[in-house]
Amino acid sequence: MEPHGPADHGTDDETDDVRTRARSMVRSPALQAVRVLVRAEAELSRTIARRAGLSPSEITALEALSRGPLGPAEMARLLNVTTAAATGIVDRMTSHGHAERRPHPSDGRRTEVHLTESGRAELLAHLIPVFGRLAAHDAAFTDDERAVVTRYLEGAAAVMRAEALREDGPEPVS
């Protein structure tokens, strides 16, 4: 059988088999729920950014800074942007009063970006209502149910993180 082009790595039967397996994987209610959750989080992030008058990258940066200060290169890696773009994002956050640059405590040549009280208040004003509703939803589950959900979601997050770190593209489906 002739290949259909450079992306064709197998016969039509093999391609059909891969498609069938992919469809059966996607039919899993748990996998569908993860996909819905990921899309909902992305939509929520865009909505919070719009309400706060910030960009989605600025919201992501504020969330990261809520866990501790970051250097400019770390910020660029986190946001998957160039260091010049990260500098622009930090400039906008500082102009809003949500972040500030400080000298690195042990290396005077470096700076760190810190979340200000204004940035923390902005972030929490938008997230606390969501967390409250999520906590109410969580309370409807037993400890055993929460343990299963936690194990599943932590595993799913690990798979997604591992794929995000891959530099060479997807592995073939087997």
N, C-alpha and C. Protein backbone atom coordinates (compact mmCIF):
# COMPACT_ATOMS: atom_id res chain seq x y z
N MET A 1 0.85 -1.17 0.00
CA MET A 1 0.00 0.00 0.00
C MET A 1 0.89 1.23 0.00
N GLU A 2 0.57 2.23 -0.83
CA GLU A 2 1.35 3.45 -0.92
C GLU A 2 1.07 4.35 0.30
N PRO A 3 2.12 4.96 0.86
CA PRO A 3 1.88 5.92 1.94
C PRO A 3 1.14 7.14 1.40
N HIS A 4 0.39 7.78 2.28
CA HIS A 4 -0.39 8.95 1.88
C HIS A 4 0.38 10.24 1.99
N GLY A 5 1.56 10.23 2.51
CA GLY A 5 2.36 11.44 2.65
C GLY A 5 3.39 11.25 3.74
N PRO A 6 4.19 12.30 4.00
CA PRO A 6 5.27 12.16 4.95
C PRO A 6 4.80 11.89 6.38
N ALA A 7 3.60 12.27 6.73
CA ALA A 7 3.10 12.05 8.10
C ALA A 7 2.52 10.65 8.27
N ASP A 8 2.36 9.92 7.18
CA ASP A 8 1.76 8.59 7.25
C ASP A 8 2.83 7.60 7.69
N HIS A 9 2.60 6.97 8.84
CA HIS A 9 3.59 6.05 9.37
C HIS A 9 3.10 4.62 9.37
N GLY A 10 1.99 4.34 8.75
CA GLY A 10 1.47 2.98 8.78
C GLY A 10 0.41 2.78 7.74
N THR A 11 -0.19 1.61 7.79
CA THR A 11 -1.24 1.28 6.85
C THR A 11 -2.55 1.91 7.30
N ASP A 12 -3.53 1.87 6.42
CA ASP A 12 -4.85 2.39 6.76
C ASP A 12 -5.44 1.63 7.94
N ASP A 13 -5.18 0.29 7.99
CA ASP A 13 -5.69 -0.51 9.11
C ASP A 13 -5.07 -0.06 10.43
N GLU A 14 -3.76 0.23 10.42
CA GLU A 14 -3.10 0.70 11.64
C GLU A 14 -3.64 2.06 12.06
N THR A 15 -3.86 2.94 11.08
CA THR A 15 -4.40 4.26 11.37
C THR A 15 -5.80 4.15 11.96
N ASP A 16 -6.62 3.28 11.38
CA ASP A 16 -7.97 3.06 11.90
C ASP A 16 -7.92 2.53 13.33
N ASP A 17 -6.97 1.61 13.59
CA ASP A 17 -6.82 1.05 14.94
C ASP A 17 -6.45 2.13 15.95
N VAL A 18 -5.53 3.01 15.57
CA VAL A 18 -5.13 4.10 16.46
C VAL A 18 -6.32 5.02 16.72
N ARG A 19 -7.07 5.34 15.67
CA ARG A 19 -8.25 6.20 15.85
C ARG A 19 -9.28 5.55 16.76
N THR A 20 -9.50 4.26 16.59
CA THR A 20 -10.47 3.54 17.43
C THR A 20 -10.04 3.57 18.88
N ARG A 21 -8.74 3.31 19.13
CA ARG A 21 -8.24 3.35 20.51
C ARG A 21 -8.34 4.75 21.09
N ALA A 22 -8.04 5.76 20.30
CA ALA A 22 -8.11 7.14 20.78
C ALA A 22 -9.55 7.50 21.14
N ARG A 23 -10.50 7.11 20.28
CA ARG A 23 -11.92 7.39 20.57
C ARG A 23 -12.36 6.70 21.86
N SER A 24 -11.92 5.45 22.06
CA SER A 24 -12.33 4.74 23.27
C SER A 24 -11.71 5.39 24.51
N MET A 25 -10.50 5.92 24.39
CA MET A 25 -9.88 6.60 25.53
C MET A 25 -10.65 7.87 25.88
N VAL A 26 -11.04 8.61 24.86
CA VAL A 26 -11.72 9.88 25.08
C VAL A 26 -13.13 9.67 25.61
N ARG A 27 -13.69 8.49 25.40
CA ARG A 27 -15.04 8.21 25.90
C ARG A 27 -15.07 7.99 27.40
N SER A 28 -13.93 7.83 28.03
CA SER A 28 -13.88 7.65 29.48
C SER A 28 -14.49 8.88 30.15
N PRO A 29 -15.52 8.70 30.97
CA PRO A 29 -16.12 9.85 31.66
C PRO A 29 -15.10 10.64 32.49
N ALA A 30 -14.15 9.94 33.10
CA ALA A 30 -13.15 10.63 33.91
C ALA A 30 -12.26 11.50 33.02
N LEU A 31 -11.82 10.98 31.87
CA LEU A 31 -10.99 11.78 30.97
C LEU A 31 -11.77 12.96 30.40
N GLN A 32 -13.04 12.74 30.08
CA GLN A 32 -13.87 13.85 29.61
C GLN A 32 -13.99 14.91 30.69
N ALA A 33 -14.16 14.49 31.94
CA ALA A 33 -14.28 15.45 33.05
C ALA A 33 -12.99 16.24 33.22
N VAL A 34 -11.84 15.59 33.06
CA VAL A 34 -10.56 16.31 33.14
C VAL A 34 -10.47 17.35 32.05
N ARG A 35 -10.86 16.98 30.84
CA ARG A 35 -10.82 17.94 29.73
C ARG A 35 -11.74 19.12 30.01
N VAL A 36 -12.93 18.85 30.54
CA VAL A 36 -13.86 19.92 30.88
C VAL A 36 -13.26 20.81 31.97
N LEU A 37 -12.63 20.21 32.97
CA LEU A 37 -12.01 20.97 34.05
C LEU A 37 -10.89 21.86 33.54
N VAL A 38 -10.04 21.33 32.67
CA VAL A 38 -8.94 22.11 32.11
C VAL A 38 -9.48 23.30 31.32
N ARG A 39 -10.50 23.07 30.51
CA ARG A 39 -11.09 24.18 29.74
C ARG A 39 -11.75 25.20 30.66
N ALA A 40 -12.42 24.72 31.71
CA ALA A 40 -13.09 25.64 32.65
C ALA A 40 -12.06 26.49 33.38
N GLU A 41 -10.92 25.91 33.75
CA GLU A 41 -9.88 26.67 34.44
C GLU A 41 -9.32 27.75 33.51
N ALA A 42 -9.10 27.41 32.26
CA ALA A 42 -8.59 28.39 31.30
C ALA A 42 -9.60 29.53 31.11
N GLU A 43 -10.87 29.18 31.01
CA GLU A 43 -11.92 30.19 30.87
C GLU A 43 -11.99 31.07 32.12
N LEU A 44 -11.90 30.45 33.30
CA LEU A 44 -11.93 31.21 34.54
C LEU A 44 -10.75 32.18 34.62
N SER A 45 -9.57 31.72 34.24
CA SER A 45 -8.39 32.58 34.27
C SER A 45 -8.58 33.79 33.35
N ARG A 46 -9.10 33.57 32.15
CA ARG A 46 -9.35 34.69 31.23
C ARG A 46 -10.40 35.65 31.81
N THR A 47 -11.44 35.10 32.44
CA THR A 47 -12.50 35.93 33.01
C THR A 47 -11.97 36.76 34.17
N ILE A 48 -11.19 36.12 35.05
CA ILE A 48 -10.61 36.86 36.19
C ILE A 48 -9.68 37.96 35.67
N ALA A 49 -8.88 37.65 34.68
CA ALA A 49 -7.99 38.66 34.10
C ALA A 49 -8.79 39.84 33.57
N ARG A 50 -9.86 39.55 32.82
CA ARG A 50 -10.69 40.63 32.26
C ARG A 50 -11.30 41.47 33.37
N ARG A 51 -11.87 40.81 34.38
CA ARG A 51 -12.49 41.54 35.49
C ARG A 51 -11.48 42.41 36.23
N ALA A 52 -10.24 41.92 36.34
CA ALA A 52 -9.20 42.65 37.08
C ALA A 52 -8.50 43.69 36.21
N GLY A 53 -8.78 43.70 34.93
CA GLY A 53 -8.11 44.63 34.03
C GLY A 53 -6.66 44.23 33.77
N LEU A 54 -6.39 42.94 33.84
CA LEU A 54 -5.05 42.41 33.63
C LEU A 54 -5.06 41.41 32.49
N SER A 55 -3.89 41.03 32.04
CA SER A 55 -3.80 39.99 31.02
C SER A 55 -3.79 38.62 31.70
N PRO A 56 -4.15 37.56 30.96
CA PRO A 56 -4.04 36.21 31.54
C PRO A 56 -2.62 35.90 32.04
N SER A 57 -1.60 36.40 31.34
CA SER A 57 -0.22 36.18 31.78
C SER A 57 0.04 36.88 33.11
N GLU A 58 -0.53 38.06 33.29
CA GLU A 58 -0.36 38.77 34.56
C GLU A 58 -1.03 38.02 35.71
N ILE A 59 -2.21 37.46 35.45
CA ILE A 59 -2.90 36.67 36.49
C ILE A 59 -2.07 35.44 36.84
N THR A 60 -1.54 34.75 35.82
CA THR A 60 -0.70 33.58 36.06
C THR A 60 0.53 33.97 36.88
N ALA A 61 1.13 35.11 36.54
CA ALA A 61 2.30 35.58 37.27
C ALA A 61 1.95 35.92 38.72
N LEU A 62 0.81 36.59 38.94
CA LEU A 62 0.40 36.91 40.31
C LEU A 62 0.17 35.65 41.12
N GLU A 63 -0.47 34.65 40.52
CA GLU A 63 -0.68 33.38 41.21
C GLU A 63 0.66 32.76 41.60
N ALA A 64 1.62 32.77 40.69
CA ALA A 64 2.94 32.21 40.98
C ALA A 64 3.64 33.02 42.07
N LEU A 65 3.54 34.32 42.01
CA LEU A 65 4.18 35.17 43.02
C LEU A 65 3.54 35.01 44.39
N SER A 66 2.29 34.56 44.43
CA SER A 66 1.64 34.33 45.73
C SER A 66 2.32 33.18 46.48
N ARG A 67 3.08 32.36 45.77
CA ARG A 67 3.82 31.25 46.38
C ARG A 67 5.25 31.65 46.74
N GLY A 68 5.69 32.81 46.26
CA GLY A 68 7.04 33.28 46.58
C GLY A 68 7.62 34.09 45.44
N PRO A 69 8.69 34.84 45.73
CA PRO A 69 9.29 35.69 44.70
C PRO A 69 9.92 34.87 43.58
N LEU A 70 10.02 35.50 42.42
CA LEU A 70 10.64 34.87 41.24
C LEU A 70 11.61 35.84 40.61
N GLY A 71 12.65 35.29 40.01
CA GLY A 71 13.55 36.10 39.20
C GLY A 71 12.97 36.28 37.81
N PRO A 72 13.49 37.25 37.06
CA PRO A 72 12.96 37.50 35.71
C PRO A 72 13.04 36.28 34.79
N ALA A 73 14.13 35.53 34.84
CA ALA A 73 14.25 34.35 33.97
C ALA A 73 13.26 33.27 34.39
N GLU A 74 13.06 33.09 35.70
CA GLU A 74 12.06 32.12 36.18
C GLU A 74 10.66 32.52 35.72
N MET A 75 10.38 33.81 35.78
CA MET A 75 9.08 34.32 35.34
C MET A 75 8.89 34.02 33.85
N ALA A 76 9.92 34.24 33.05
CA ALA A 76 9.83 33.98 31.60
C ALA A 76 9.55 32.50 31.34
N ARG A 77 10.26 31.61 32.06
CA ARG A 77 10.02 30.17 31.89
C ARG A 77 8.60 29.78 32.29
N LEU A 78 8.16 30.31 33.42
CA LEU A 78 6.81 30.02 33.90
C LEU A 78 5.75 30.41 32.88
N LEU A 79 5.91 31.58 32.29
CA LEU A 79 4.91 32.10 31.36
C LEU A 79 5.17 31.65 29.92
N ASN A 80 6.29 30.95 29.70
CA ASN A 80 6.65 30.48 28.37
C ASN A 80 6.77 31.65 27.38
N VAL A 81 7.48 32.68 27.84
CA VAL A 81 7.72 33.86 27.01
C VAL A 81 9.21 34.20 27.08
N THR A 82 9.63 35.14 26.25
CA THR A 82 11.01 35.61 26.30
C THR A 82 11.22 36.43 27.56
N THR A 83 12.48 36.63 27.93
CA THR A 83 12.75 37.47 29.10
C THR A 83 12.30 38.91 28.85
N ALA A 84 12.38 39.37 27.61
CA ALA A 84 11.90 40.73 27.30
C ALA A 84 10.40 40.83 27.51
N ALA A 85 9.65 39.81 27.08
CA ALA A 85 8.20 39.82 27.28
C ALA A 85 7.87 39.74 28.77
N ALA A 86 8.62 38.91 29.51
CA ALA A 86 8.40 38.81 30.96
C ALA A 86 8.66 40.15 31.63
N THR A 87 9.67 40.87 31.18
CA THR A 87 9.95 42.20 31.73
C THR A 87 8.77 43.13 31.50
N GLY A 88 8.16 43.07 30.33
CA GLY A 88 6.97 43.89 30.06
C GLY A 88 5.81 43.53 30.97
N ILE A 89 5.63 42.25 31.23
CA ILE A 89 4.55 41.79 32.12
C ILE A 89 4.80 42.30 33.53
N VAL A 90 6.05 42.19 33.99
CA VAL A 90 6.40 42.69 35.32
C VAL A 90 6.21 44.21 35.38
N ASP A 91 6.60 44.91 34.31
CA ASP A 91 6.40 46.36 34.27
C ASP A 91 4.92 46.72 34.45
N ARG A 92 4.04 45.99 33.77
CA ARG A 92 2.60 46.27 33.88
C ARG A 92 2.09 45.97 35.29
N MET A 93 2.56 44.85 35.88
CA MET A 93 2.12 44.50 37.24
C MET A 93 2.61 45.55 38.24
N THR A 94 3.83 46.04 38.05
CA THR A 94 4.34 47.07 38.97
C THR A 94 3.60 48.38 38.78
N SER A 95 3.22 48.69 37.54
CA SER A 95 2.48 49.94 37.31
C SER A 95 1.09 49.89 37.95
N HIS A 96 0.53 48.69 38.11
CA HIS A 96 -0.75 48.52 38.81
C HIS A 96 -0.56 48.47 40.32
N GLY A 97 0.70 48.39 40.76
CA GLY A 97 0.99 48.28 42.18
C GLY A 97 0.84 46.86 42.71
N HIS A 98 0.78 45.87 41.81
CA HIS A 98 0.55 44.49 42.22
C HIS A 98 1.85 43.71 42.46
N ALA A 99 2.97 44.23 42.00
CA ALA A 99 4.26 43.56 42.17
C ALA A 99 5.33 44.63 42.32
N GLU A 100 6.46 44.22 42.86
CA GLU A 100 7.60 45.13 42.95
C GLU A 100 8.89 44.35 42.76
N ARG A 101 9.87 45.05 42.21
CA ARG A 101 11.20 44.46 42.05
C ARG A 101 12.01 44.81 43.30
N ARG A 102 12.76 43.80 43.77
CA ARG A 102 13.66 44.00 44.90
C ARG A 102 15.00 43.36 44.57
N PRO A 103 16.06 43.88 45.16
CA PRO A 103 17.36 43.21 44.96
C PRO A 103 17.32 41.80 45.52
N HIS A 104 18.01 40.89 44.85
CA HIS A 104 18.13 39.52 45.34
C HIS A 104 18.88 39.57 46.67
N PRO A 105 18.43 38.81 47.69
CA PRO A 105 19.06 38.92 49.00
C PRO A 105 20.53 38.50 49.06
N SER A 106 20.96 37.60 48.18
CA SER A 106 22.35 37.14 48.26
C SER A 106 23.18 37.47 47.02
N ASP A 107 22.55 37.99 45.98
CA ASP A 107 23.27 38.32 44.75
C ASP A 107 22.82 39.69 44.29
N GLY A 108 23.61 40.70 44.62
CA GLY A 108 23.25 42.09 44.32
C GLY A 108 23.10 42.40 42.85
N ARG A 109 23.57 41.52 41.98
CA ARG A 109 23.43 41.76 40.54
C ARG A 109 22.06 41.38 40.03
N ARG A 110 21.33 40.57 40.82
CA ARG A 110 20.03 40.05 40.39
C ARG A 110 18.90 40.77 41.10
N THR A 111 17.71 40.66 40.51
CA THR A 111 16.51 41.18 41.15
C THR A 111 15.50 40.05 41.28
N GLU A 112 14.56 40.25 42.17
CA GLU A 112 13.43 39.33 42.33
C GLU A 112 12.15 40.14 42.21
N VAL A 113 11.11 39.48 41.76
CA VAL A 113 9.80 40.12 41.68
C VAL A 113 8.98 39.56 42.84
N HIS A 114 8.38 40.47 43.61
CA HIS A 114 7.57 40.10 44.78
C HIS A 114 6.14 40.57 44.58
N LEU A 115 5.21 39.80 45.11
CA LEU A 115 3.80 40.18 45.13
C LEU A 115 3.61 41.23 46.22
N THR A 116 2.87 42.29 45.91
CA THR A 116 2.56 43.30 46.93
C THR A 116 1.23 42.94 47.59
N GLU A 117 0.92 43.65 48.65
CA GLU A 117 -0.39 43.44 49.30
C GLU A 117 -1.52 43.77 48.34
N SER A 118 -1.33 44.76 47.49
CA SER A 118 -2.34 45.11 46.48
C SER A 118 -2.55 43.95 45.51
N GLY A 119 -1.46 43.33 45.08
CA GLY A 119 -1.56 42.18 44.17
C GLY A 119 -2.25 41.01 44.84
N ARG A 120 -1.88 40.75 46.11
CA ARG A 120 -2.50 39.65 46.85
C ARG A 120 -4.00 39.92 47.02
N ALA A 121 -4.36 41.16 47.36
CA ALA A 121 -5.78 41.51 47.55
C ALA A 121 -6.55 41.36 46.24
N GLU A 122 -5.96 41.78 45.13
CA GLU A 122 -6.61 41.66 43.82
C GLU A 122 -6.87 40.20 43.49
N LEU A 123 -5.85 39.38 43.68
CA LEU A 123 -5.98 37.96 43.38
C LEU A 123 -7.03 37.31 44.27
N LEU A 124 -6.95 37.55 45.57
CA LEU A 124 -7.88 36.91 46.50
C LEU A 124 -9.32 37.39 46.29
N ALA A 125 -9.49 38.64 45.92
CA ALA A 125 -10.85 39.15 45.69
C ALA A 125 -11.57 38.34 44.62
N HIS A 126 -10.82 37.84 43.66
CA HIS A 126 -11.42 37.07 42.57
C HIS A 126 -11.44 35.57 42.86
N LEU A 127 -10.48 35.09 43.64
CA LEU A 127 -10.38 33.64 43.86
C LEU A 127 -11.15 33.14 45.07
N ILE A 128 -11.27 33.94 46.12
CA ILE A 128 -11.95 33.46 47.34
C ILE A 128 -13.39 33.03 47.06
N PRO A 129 -14.18 33.77 46.29
CA PRO A 129 -15.54 33.29 46.01
C PRO A 129 -15.54 31.93 45.28
N VAL A 130 -14.62 31.74 44.36
CA VAL A 130 -14.54 30.48 43.63
C VAL A 130 -14.13 29.36 44.59
N PHE A 131 -13.12 29.63 45.42
CA PHE A 131 -12.67 28.61 46.38
C PHE A 131 -13.78 28.26 47.36
N GLY A 132 -14.59 29.22 47.75
CA GLY A 132 -15.71 28.94 48.65
C GLY A 132 -16.71 27.99 48.02
N ARG A 133 -17.03 28.22 46.75
CA ARG A 133 -17.97 27.34 46.06
C ARG A 133 -17.36 25.95 45.83
N LEU A 134 -16.06 25.92 45.55
CA LEU A 134 -15.39 24.61 45.41
C LEU A 134 -15.37 23.86 46.74
N ALA A 135 -15.15 24.58 47.84
CA ALA A 135 -15.14 23.93 49.16
C ALA A 135 -16.52 23.35 49.48
N ALA A 136 -17.57 24.08 49.11
CA ALA A 136 -18.93 23.56 49.34
C ALA A 136 -19.16 22.30 48.50
N HIS A 137 -18.68 22.29 47.28
CA HIS A 137 -18.80 21.11 46.43
C HIS A 137 -18.00 19.96 47.04
N ASP A 138 -16.80 20.23 47.49
CA ASP A 138 -15.93 19.23 48.10
C ASP A 138 -16.58 18.60 49.34
N ALA A 139 -17.30 19.40 50.10
CA ALA A 139 -17.92 18.91 51.33
C ALA A 139 -18.99 17.85 51.06
N ALA A 140 -19.47 17.77 49.83
CA ALA A 140 -20.50 16.78 49.48
C ALA A 140 -19.92 15.38 49.31
N PHE A 141 -18.61 15.24 49.38
CA PHE A 141 -17.95 13.95 49.18
C PHE A 141 -17.47 13.39 50.51
N THR A 142 -17.41 12.07 50.57
CA THR A 142 -16.84 11.42 51.76
C THR A 142 -15.32 11.51 51.68
N ASP A 143 -14.65 11.23 52.79
CA ASP A 143 -13.19 11.21 52.80
C ASP A 143 -12.64 10.20 51.80
N ASP A 144 -13.28 9.03 51.72
CA ASP A 144 -12.84 8.00 50.77
C ASP A 144 -13.00 8.47 49.33
N GLU A 145 -14.11 9.13 49.03
CA GLU A 145 -14.33 9.64 47.67
C GLU A 145 -13.30 10.72 47.34
N ARG A 146 -13.05 11.62 48.28
CA ARG A 146 -12.04 12.67 48.05
C ARG A 146 -10.66 12.06 47.83
N ALA A 147 -10.35 10.98 48.53
CA ALA A 147 -9.05 10.33 48.36
C ALA A 147 -8.89 9.78 46.94
N VAL A 148 -9.95 9.19 46.40
CA VAL A 148 -9.90 8.65 45.04
C VAL A 148 -9.78 9.80 44.03
N VAL A 149 -10.58 10.83 44.21
CA VAL A 149 -10.52 11.99 43.30
C VAL A 149 -9.13 12.62 43.35
N THR A 150 -8.59 12.77 44.54
CA THR A 150 -7.25 13.36 44.70
C THR A 150 -6.20 12.52 43.98
N ARG A 151 -6.23 11.22 44.19
CA ARG A 151 -5.26 10.33 43.54
C ARG A 151 -5.37 10.43 42.02
N TYR A 152 -6.60 10.45 41.51
CA TYR A 152 -6.81 10.55 40.06
C TYR A 152 -6.28 11.88 39.52
N LEU A 153 -6.67 12.98 40.16
CA LEU A 153 -6.27 14.29 39.65
C LEU A 153 -4.77 14.52 39.78
N GLU A 154 -4.16 14.05 40.86
CA GLU A 154 -2.71 14.18 40.99
C GLU A 154 -1.99 13.39 39.90
N GLY A 155 -2.50 12.21 39.60
CA GLY A 155 -1.93 11.42 38.51
C GLY A 155 -2.10 12.09 37.16
N ALA A 156 -3.29 12.64 36.92
CA ALA A 156 -3.54 13.34 35.65
C ALA A 156 -2.63 14.56 35.53
N ALA A 157 -2.46 15.29 36.63
CA ALA A 157 -1.58 16.46 36.61
C ALA A 157 -0.14 16.05 36.34
N ALA A 158 0.30 14.95 36.91
CA ALA A 158 1.67 14.46 36.67
C ALA A 158 1.87 14.11 35.20
N VAL A 159 0.88 13.46 34.59
CA VAL A 159 0.97 13.12 33.17
C VAL A 159 1.06 14.40 32.34
N MET A 160 0.22 15.38 32.65
CA MET A 160 0.22 16.63 31.89
C MET A 160 1.54 17.38 32.06
N ARG A 161 2.06 17.44 33.30
CA ARG A 161 3.35 18.11 33.54
C ARG A 161 4.46 17.41 32.75
N ALA A 162 4.49 16.09 32.79
CA ALA A 162 5.53 15.35 32.07
C ALA A 162 5.46 15.63 30.58
N GLU A 163 4.26 15.68 30.03
CA GLU A 163 4.12 15.97 28.60
C GLU A 163 4.55 17.40 28.30
N ALA A 164 4.23 18.33 29.20
CA ALA A 164 4.62 19.73 28.99
C ALA A 164 6.14 19.89 28.99
N LEU A 165 6.85 19.03 29.70
CA LEU A 165 8.31 19.11 29.77
C LEU A 165 9.00 18.46 28.59
N ARG A 166 8.26 17.64 27.83
CA ARG A 166 8.86 16.95 26.68
C ARG A 166 9.20 17.98 25.60
N GLU A 167 10.38 17.87 25.06
CA GLU A 167 10.82 18.78 24.01
C GLU A 167 10.60 18.22 22.61
N ASP A 168 10.39 16.92 22.50
CA ASP A 168 10.44 16.27 21.20
C ASP A 168 9.07 15.86 20.64
N GLY A 169 8.00 16.37 21.18
CA GLY A 169 6.68 16.07 20.63
C GLY A 169 6.09 14.81 21.23
N PRO A 170 4.92 14.47 20.78
CA PRO A 170 4.18 13.35 21.39
C PRO A 170 4.81 12.00 21.07
N GLU A 171 4.62 11.08 22.02
CA GLU A 171 5.04 9.70 21.78
C GLU A 171 3.96 9.03 20.93
N PRO A 172 4.33 8.05 20.13
CA PRO A 172 3.31 7.34 19.35
C PRO A 172 2.35 6.60 20.28
N VAL A 173 1.09 6.54 19.90
CA VAL A 173 0.09 5.80 20.67
C VAL A 173 0.31 4.33 20.41
N SER A 174 0.39 3.54 21.48
CA SER A 174 0.61 2.09 21.27
C SER A 174 -0.59 1.31 21.71
